[in-house]
Amino acid sequence: MEQLKEFMLLFRSEPSHEVPTQEQLIQMQKQWGDFIGSIAMQGKLVSTHQLGFDGKLITPDQSIKDEIHICKSQTMSGNMILKATTIENALQLAKKCPILLTGGTVEVRNIIPMNI
């Protein structure tokens, strides 16, 4: 049996000032619930987090800006750590992410354990 490794999915999306309707919120919650639930039911979910759009940014000179990092009009909107045998298996799980339906992206990265 091949050993499971941990991978992080990084969710990025374009910040929007448009407030979704109640119907859109319910639909998005169901899509995310189905996505996360399917991974959890396989015993492969380690953790997941949704990030808000309020934050502070510390620059190399130690100054603090009242903003979040936006690159190419996208910002980090959340993450998930899951278990898979290979990055290809993690990619297959990630392809079902609802953020892809709204123009967002999913980056899949291997996790290197820190031995301290």
N, C-alpha and C. Protein backbone atom coordinates (compact mmCIF):
# COMPACT_ATOMS: atom_id res chain seq x y z
N MET A 1 0.84 -1.19 0.00
CA MET A 1 0.00 0.00 0.00
C MET A 1 0.88 1.25 0.00
N GLU A 2 0.61 2.14 -0.93
CA GLU A 2 1.41 3.36 -1.06
C GLU A 2 1.05 4.34 0.08
N GLN A 3 2.08 4.96 0.63
CA GLN A 3 1.88 5.88 1.74
C GLN A 3 1.30 7.21 1.25
N LEU A 4 0.37 7.75 2.03
CA LEU A 4 -0.23 9.04 1.69
C LEU A 4 0.70 10.17 2.10
N LYS A 5 0.80 11.18 1.23
CA LYS A 5 1.58 12.38 1.50
C LYS A 5 0.61 13.54 1.64
N GLU A 6 1.06 14.62 2.24
CA GLU A 6 0.20 15.79 2.37
C GLU A 6 0.50 16.80 1.27
N PHE A 7 -0.57 17.38 0.73
CA PHE A 7 -0.50 18.41 -0.29
C PHE A 7 -1.37 19.57 0.14
N MET A 8 -0.96 20.78 -0.22
CA MET A 8 -1.77 21.95 0.09
C MET A 8 -2.38 22.48 -1.20
N LEU A 9 -3.68 22.72 -1.15
CA LEU A 9 -4.37 23.39 -2.24
C LEU A 9 -4.48 24.86 -1.84
N LEU A 10 -4.03 25.74 -2.70
CA LEU A 10 -4.11 27.18 -2.46
C LEU A 10 -5.17 27.74 -3.39
N PHE A 11 -6.21 28.32 -2.81
CA PHE A 11 -7.32 28.86 -3.59
C PHE A 11 -7.11 30.35 -3.79
N ARG A 12 -7.18 30.78 -5.05
CA ARG A 12 -7.05 32.21 -5.35
C ARG A 12 -8.27 32.65 -6.14
N SER A 13 -8.69 33.88 -5.86
CA SER A 13 -9.83 34.44 -6.58
C SER A 13 -9.67 35.94 -6.68
N GLU A 14 -10.46 36.52 -7.55
CA GLU A 14 -10.43 37.96 -7.74
C GLU A 14 -11.33 38.61 -6.68
N PRO A 15 -10.79 39.57 -5.92
CA PRO A 15 -11.64 40.24 -4.92
C PRO A 15 -12.81 40.93 -5.62
N SER A 16 -13.98 40.86 -5.00
CA SER A 16 -15.17 41.46 -5.60
C SER A 16 -15.89 42.30 -4.55
N HIS A 17 -16.39 43.42 -5.01
CA HIS A 17 -17.20 44.27 -4.12
C HIS A 17 -18.68 43.97 -4.32
N GLU A 18 -18.96 43.03 -5.22
CA GLU A 18 -20.34 42.64 -5.50
C GLU A 18 -20.81 41.68 -4.41
N VAL A 19 -21.93 41.98 -3.81
CA VAL A 19 -22.48 41.13 -2.75
C VAL A 19 -23.37 40.07 -3.40
N PRO A 20 -23.06 38.79 -3.14
CA PRO A 20 -23.88 37.73 -3.75
C PRO A 20 -25.29 37.71 -3.15
N THR A 21 -26.24 37.26 -3.95
CA THR A 21 -27.61 37.13 -3.46
C THR A 21 -27.68 35.96 -2.48
N GLN A 22 -28.77 35.88 -1.73
CA GLN A 22 -28.95 34.78 -0.78
C GLN A 22 -28.94 33.45 -1.52
N GLU A 23 -29.56 33.40 -2.69
CA GLU A 23 -29.59 32.18 -3.49
C GLU A 23 -28.18 31.78 -3.94
N GLN A 24 -27.37 32.77 -4.36
CA GLN A 24 -26.00 32.48 -4.78
C GLN A 24 -25.17 31.98 -3.59
N LEU A 25 -25.36 32.58 -2.41
CA LEU A 25 -24.64 32.13 -1.21
C LEU A 25 -24.99 30.69 -0.87
N ILE A 26 -26.26 30.36 -0.94
CA ILE A 26 -26.69 28.99 -0.64
C ILE A 26 -26.07 28.01 -1.64
N GLN A 27 -26.08 28.38 -2.91
CA GLN A 27 -25.50 27.52 -3.94
C GLN A 27 -24.00 27.34 -3.73
N MET A 28 -23.27 28.44 -3.43
CA MET A 28 -21.83 28.35 -3.20
C MET A 28 -21.52 27.50 -1.97
N GLN A 29 -22.29 27.68 -0.90
CA GLN A 29 -22.07 26.88 0.32
C GLN A 29 -22.29 25.40 0.04
N LYS A 30 -23.30 25.08 -0.76
CA LYS A 30 -23.55 23.68 -1.10
C LYS A 30 -22.41 23.11 -1.93
N GLN A 31 -21.95 23.88 -2.93
CA GLN A 31 -20.84 23.40 -3.77
C GLN A 31 -19.60 23.15 -2.93
N TRP A 32 -19.25 24.10 -2.05
CA TRP A 32 -18.07 23.93 -1.20
C TRP A 32 -18.27 22.78 -0.21
N GLY A 33 -19.47 22.68 0.35
CA GLY A 33 -19.76 21.58 1.28
C GLY A 33 -19.61 20.23 0.62
N ASP A 34 -20.13 20.13 -0.62
CA ASP A 34 -20.00 18.87 -1.37
C ASP A 34 -18.54 18.55 -1.67
N PHE A 35 -17.78 19.57 -2.08
CA PHE A 35 -16.36 19.39 -2.42
C PHE A 35 -15.56 18.95 -1.19
N ILE A 36 -15.69 19.70 -0.11
CA ILE A 36 -14.94 19.37 1.11
C ILE A 36 -15.42 18.05 1.69
N GLY A 37 -16.74 17.86 1.69
CA GLY A 37 -17.30 16.62 2.24
C GLY A 37 -16.83 15.38 1.49
N SER A 38 -16.72 15.47 0.16
CA SER A 38 -16.28 14.30 -0.61
C SER A 38 -14.84 13.92 -0.26
N ILE A 39 -14.01 14.91 -0.02
CA ILE A 39 -12.61 14.63 0.36
C ILE A 39 -12.57 14.08 1.78
N ALA A 40 -13.37 14.66 2.67
CA ALA A 40 -13.41 14.19 4.06
C ALA A 40 -13.92 12.75 4.14
N MET A 41 -14.93 12.43 3.34
CA MET A 41 -15.51 11.07 3.37
C MET A 41 -14.51 10.02 2.90
N GLN A 42 -13.51 10.44 2.12
CA GLN A 42 -12.47 9.51 1.68
C GLN A 42 -11.35 9.40 2.71
N GLY A 43 -11.46 10.17 3.81
CA GLY A 43 -10.43 10.16 4.84
C GLY A 43 -9.17 10.89 4.42
N LYS A 44 -9.30 11.83 3.47
CA LYS A 44 -8.13 12.52 2.94
C LYS A 44 -8.03 13.98 3.36
N LEU A 45 -9.02 14.51 4.07
CA LEU A 45 -9.00 15.91 4.50
C LEU A 45 -8.19 16.05 5.78
N VAL A 46 -7.22 16.97 5.77
CA VAL A 46 -6.45 17.29 6.98
C VAL A 46 -7.01 18.56 7.60
N SER A 47 -7.13 19.63 6.81
CA SER A 47 -7.70 20.89 7.30
C SER A 47 -8.06 21.78 6.12
N THR A 48 -8.89 22.77 6.37
CA THR A 48 -9.23 23.75 5.34
C THR A 48 -9.60 25.06 6.02
N HIS A 49 -9.32 26.17 5.32
CA HIS A 49 -9.59 27.50 5.87
C HIS A 49 -10.03 28.43 4.76
N GLN A 50 -11.02 29.26 5.07
CA GLN A 50 -11.43 30.33 4.17
C GLN A 50 -10.84 31.61 4.73
N LEU A 51 -10.28 32.44 3.85
CA LEU A 51 -9.68 33.69 4.28
C LEU A 51 -10.59 34.86 3.91
N GLY A 52 -10.64 35.85 4.80
CA GLY A 52 -11.39 37.06 4.51
C GLY A 52 -10.56 38.01 3.66
N PHE A 53 -11.15 39.13 3.30
CA PHE A 53 -10.45 40.10 2.46
C PHE A 53 -9.92 41.28 3.27
N ASP A 54 -10.05 41.24 4.59
CA ASP A 54 -9.46 42.27 5.44
C ASP A 54 -8.14 41.73 5.97
N GLY A 55 -7.11 42.56 5.95
CA GLY A 55 -5.82 42.11 6.45
C GLY A 55 -4.79 43.22 6.40
N LYS A 56 -3.63 42.90 6.88
CA LYS A 56 -2.48 43.81 6.92
C LYS A 56 -1.31 43.12 6.22
N LEU A 57 -0.46 43.93 5.63
CA LEU A 57 0.70 43.42 4.90
C LEU A 57 1.97 44.03 5.51
N ILE A 58 2.88 43.18 5.95
CA ILE A 58 4.17 43.65 6.49
C ILE A 58 5.18 43.57 5.36
N THR A 59 5.85 44.67 5.09
CA THR A 59 6.84 44.73 4.02
C THR A 59 8.24 44.44 4.58
N PRO A 60 9.22 44.19 3.70
CA PRO A 60 10.57 43.88 4.18
C PRO A 60 11.17 44.97 5.08
N ASP A 61 10.75 46.22 4.91
CA ASP A 61 11.30 47.28 5.77
C ASP A 61 10.53 47.41 7.08
N GLN A 62 9.67 46.43 7.37
CA GLN A 62 8.88 46.34 8.60
C GLN A 62 7.70 47.32 8.66
N SER A 63 7.42 48.02 7.57
CA SER A 63 6.24 48.89 7.57
C SER A 63 5.00 48.02 7.38
N ILE A 64 3.88 48.52 7.86
CA ILE A 64 2.63 47.77 7.80
C ILE A 64 1.64 48.55 6.93
N LYS A 65 1.10 47.85 5.96
CA LYS A 65 0.11 48.46 5.06
C LYS A 65 -1.25 47.85 5.36
N ASP A 66 -2.28 48.66 5.26
CA ASP A 66 -3.65 48.22 5.50
C ASP A 66 -4.22 47.65 4.20
N GLU A 67 -3.69 46.49 3.78
CA GLU A 67 -4.11 45.86 2.54
C GLU A 67 -3.70 44.41 2.54
N ILE A 68 -4.19 43.67 1.57
CA ILE A 68 -3.77 42.29 1.37
C ILE A 68 -3.01 42.20 0.05
N HIS A 69 -2.25 41.15 -0.11
CA HIS A 69 -1.45 40.98 -1.33
C HIS A 69 -2.34 40.56 -2.48
N ILE A 70 -2.30 41.32 -3.55
CA ILE A 70 -3.04 40.99 -4.78
C ILE A 70 -2.03 40.93 -5.91
N CYS A 71 -2.03 39.82 -6.63
CA CYS A 71 -1.11 39.63 -7.75
C CYS A 71 -1.92 39.21 -8.97
N LYS A 72 -1.72 39.90 -10.07
CA LYS A 72 -2.46 39.60 -11.30
C LYS A 72 -3.96 39.57 -11.04
N SER A 73 -4.43 40.51 -10.25
CA SER A 73 -5.84 40.71 -9.87
C SER A 73 -6.42 39.58 -9.02
N GLN A 74 -5.59 38.67 -8.51
CA GLN A 74 -6.08 37.61 -7.63
C GLN A 74 -5.40 37.68 -6.28
N THR A 75 -6.13 37.22 -5.28
CA THR A 75 -5.59 37.13 -3.94
C THR A 75 -5.90 35.75 -3.36
N MET A 76 -5.17 35.36 -2.35
CA MET A 76 -5.40 34.09 -1.68
C MET A 76 -6.75 34.15 -0.98
N SER A 77 -7.61 33.18 -1.26
CA SER A 77 -8.93 33.19 -0.62
C SER A 77 -9.12 32.03 0.34
N GLY A 78 -8.19 31.08 0.33
CA GLY A 78 -8.29 29.97 1.27
C GLY A 78 -7.27 28.90 0.95
N ASN A 79 -7.31 27.84 1.77
CA ASN A 79 -6.40 26.72 1.53
C ASN A 79 -7.00 25.44 2.09
N MET A 80 -6.44 24.35 1.66
CA MET A 80 -6.84 23.04 2.17
C MET A 80 -5.59 22.17 2.18
N ILE A 81 -5.47 21.37 3.20
CA ILE A 81 -4.42 20.35 3.23
C ILE A 81 -5.14 19.01 3.14
N LEU A 82 -4.68 18.20 2.18
CA LEU A 82 -5.27 16.89 2.01
C LEU A 82 -4.18 15.85 1.84
N LYS A 83 -4.60 14.59 1.92
CA LYS A 83 -3.67 13.48 1.76
C LYS A 83 -3.94 12.78 0.44
N ALA A 84 -2.86 12.45 -0.27
CA ALA A 84 -2.95 11.72 -1.54
C ALA A 84 -1.66 10.96 -1.73
N THR A 85 -1.70 9.96 -2.58
CA THR A 85 -0.48 9.17 -2.82
C THR A 85 0.51 9.92 -3.69
N THR A 86 0.00 10.70 -4.65
CA THR A 86 0.87 11.46 -5.56
C THR A 86 0.26 12.83 -5.83
N ILE A 87 1.04 13.71 -6.40
CA ILE A 87 0.51 15.02 -6.76
C ILE A 87 -0.56 14.88 -7.85
N GLU A 88 -0.43 13.88 -8.70
CA GLU A 88 -1.44 13.65 -9.74
C GLU A 88 -2.79 13.30 -9.11
N ASN A 89 -2.77 12.49 -8.03
CA ASN A 89 -4.01 12.17 -7.32
C ASN A 89 -4.59 13.40 -6.64
N ALA A 90 -3.72 14.24 -6.08
CA ALA A 90 -4.18 15.49 -5.46
C ALA A 90 -4.79 16.42 -6.51
N LEU A 91 -4.20 16.45 -7.71
CA LEU A 91 -4.74 17.27 -8.80
C LEU A 91 -6.13 16.80 -9.21
N GLN A 92 -6.34 15.51 -9.24
CA GLN A 92 -7.67 14.98 -9.60
C GLN A 92 -8.73 15.44 -8.60
N LEU A 93 -8.38 15.46 -7.32
CA LEU A 93 -9.31 15.95 -6.30
C LEU A 93 -9.53 17.45 -6.47
N ALA A 94 -8.46 18.18 -6.74
CA ALA A 94 -8.52 19.65 -6.85
C ALA A 94 -9.34 20.10 -8.05
N LYS A 95 -9.39 19.31 -9.10
CA LYS A 95 -10.13 19.68 -10.30
C LYS A 95 -11.63 19.84 -10.04
N LYS A 96 -12.11 19.33 -8.93
CA LYS A 96 -13.53 19.42 -8.59
C LYS A 96 -13.84 20.62 -7.71
N CYS A 97 -12.85 21.48 -7.48
CA CYS A 97 -13.03 22.63 -6.59
C CYS A 97 -13.98 23.67 -7.20
N PRO A 98 -14.97 24.12 -6.42
CA PRO A 98 -15.93 25.09 -6.94
C PRO A 98 -15.35 26.45 -7.30
N ILE A 99 -14.18 26.78 -6.80
CA ILE A 99 -13.60 28.09 -7.13
C ILE A 99 -13.29 28.19 -8.62
N LEU A 100 -13.08 27.04 -9.26
CA LEU A 100 -12.81 27.02 -10.70
C LEU A 100 -14.03 27.46 -11.51
N LEU A 101 -15.22 27.27 -10.94
CA LEU A 101 -16.46 27.66 -11.62
C LEU A 101 -16.66 29.17 -11.67
N THR A 102 -15.94 29.89 -10.81
CA THR A 102 -16.10 31.35 -10.74
C THR A 102 -14.86 32.10 -11.22
N GLY A 103 -13.98 31.40 -11.94
CA GLY A 103 -12.80 32.06 -12.50
C GLY A 103 -11.58 32.05 -11.59
N GLY A 104 -11.69 31.41 -10.44
CA GLY A 104 -10.55 31.31 -9.53
C GLY A 104 -9.60 30.20 -9.95
N THR A 105 -8.52 30.07 -9.20
CA THR A 105 -7.52 29.04 -9.50
C THR A 105 -7.22 28.21 -8.27
N VAL A 106 -6.70 27.02 -8.50
CA VAL A 106 -6.24 26.13 -7.43
C VAL A 106 -4.80 25.75 -7.74
N GLU A 107 -3.92 26.03 -6.81
CA GLU A 107 -2.52 25.62 -6.93
C GLU A 107 -2.32 24.45 -5.99
N VAL A 108 -1.71 23.38 -6.47
CA VAL A 108 -1.45 22.19 -5.66
C VAL A 108 0.04 22.11 -5.40
N ARG A 109 0.39 22.08 -4.12
CA ARG A 109 1.82 22.05 -3.74
C ARG A 109 2.08 20.91 -2.76
N ASN A 110 3.24 20.30 -2.89
CA ASN A 110 3.63 19.30 -1.89
C ASN A 110 4.02 20.02 -0.61
N ILE A 111 3.90 19.32 0.49
CA ILE A 111 4.26 19.88 1.80
C ILE A 111 5.53 19.18 2.27
N ILE A 112 6.48 19.99 2.66
CA ILE A 112 7.75 19.44 3.19
C ILE A 112 7.72 19.57 4.71
N PRO A 113 7.71 18.44 5.42
CA PRO A 113 7.67 18.50 6.88
C PRO A 113 8.91 19.22 7.43
N MET A 114 8.68 20.01 8.46
CA MET A 114 9.80 20.72 9.11
C MET A 114 10.21 19.93 10.34
N ASN A 115 11.44 19.52 10.38
CA ASN A 115 11.97 18.77 11.51
C ASN A 115 12.74 19.71 12.42
N ILE A 116 12.06 20.21 13.43
CA ILE A 116 12.73 21.13 14.37
C ILE A 116 12.70 20.59 15.76
